Amino acid sequence: MNAHGSMTTMPVPTGARVRRAWETVSEELRRSTAAAVVTAVLLASAVPLAPVMQAALAVSGGVLALAALVDVCEHRLPNRLIGAAAVAPLVGAVVGLEFRVLLQSFGGALVAGGAMLVVRLARGVGMGDVKTAAAVGAGVGMLSIDRAAVAIAVAALVAATWRSEEHTSELQSHLNLVC
């Protein structure tokens, strides 16, 4: 019990959350997650950046895929994974001594996170979505801030379509079967 007389729970370690999600979801979702991680690595290796920044971009994309897996089961995006995905591109730019890329990455995070914050205020997406948008913006921003804005616009459109009234009950039924 805490000082207020209520029960406190210990936070579940992030690795355990990922492991539990992996073990809980269907084989199809495990394959989709693995494919997303591989895709992140392949796409990162194709961008015109120094290898250290490509690695940071690959880490960011892979970590975001794992965060999405946890979100499917818990309906919560793990802050530690989203934070790691957001920081990886910034660290890659610093280690690569690319001040311009660092500014673009930071700018991409601000543009994408800010745009999703406006969506949150207007339509009520969760703060996890806002933080995830900032992480995506940091990665895509390594290439250009304009691309970060486009990436979030596309993601918001997909999310809006996915969450539309027509698909809500179908999606919820599917998720209940998955997790």
Foldseek 3Di string as FASTA:
>chain_A
DDPVPDDDDDDDDPVVLLVVLCVQFDPVLVVVLVVQLVVQLVVLVPDPDPPLLSVLSSQLRNLVSSQVSSCLQPVDRDPVSLVSLLCSNLVSCVVVVPPVLNVQLQLQLCLQLVVVVVVCVVPNDDVRLSSNLSSQRSSLSSVNSVRSNVVSVVVVVVVCVCCPPVNPVVSVVVSVVGD
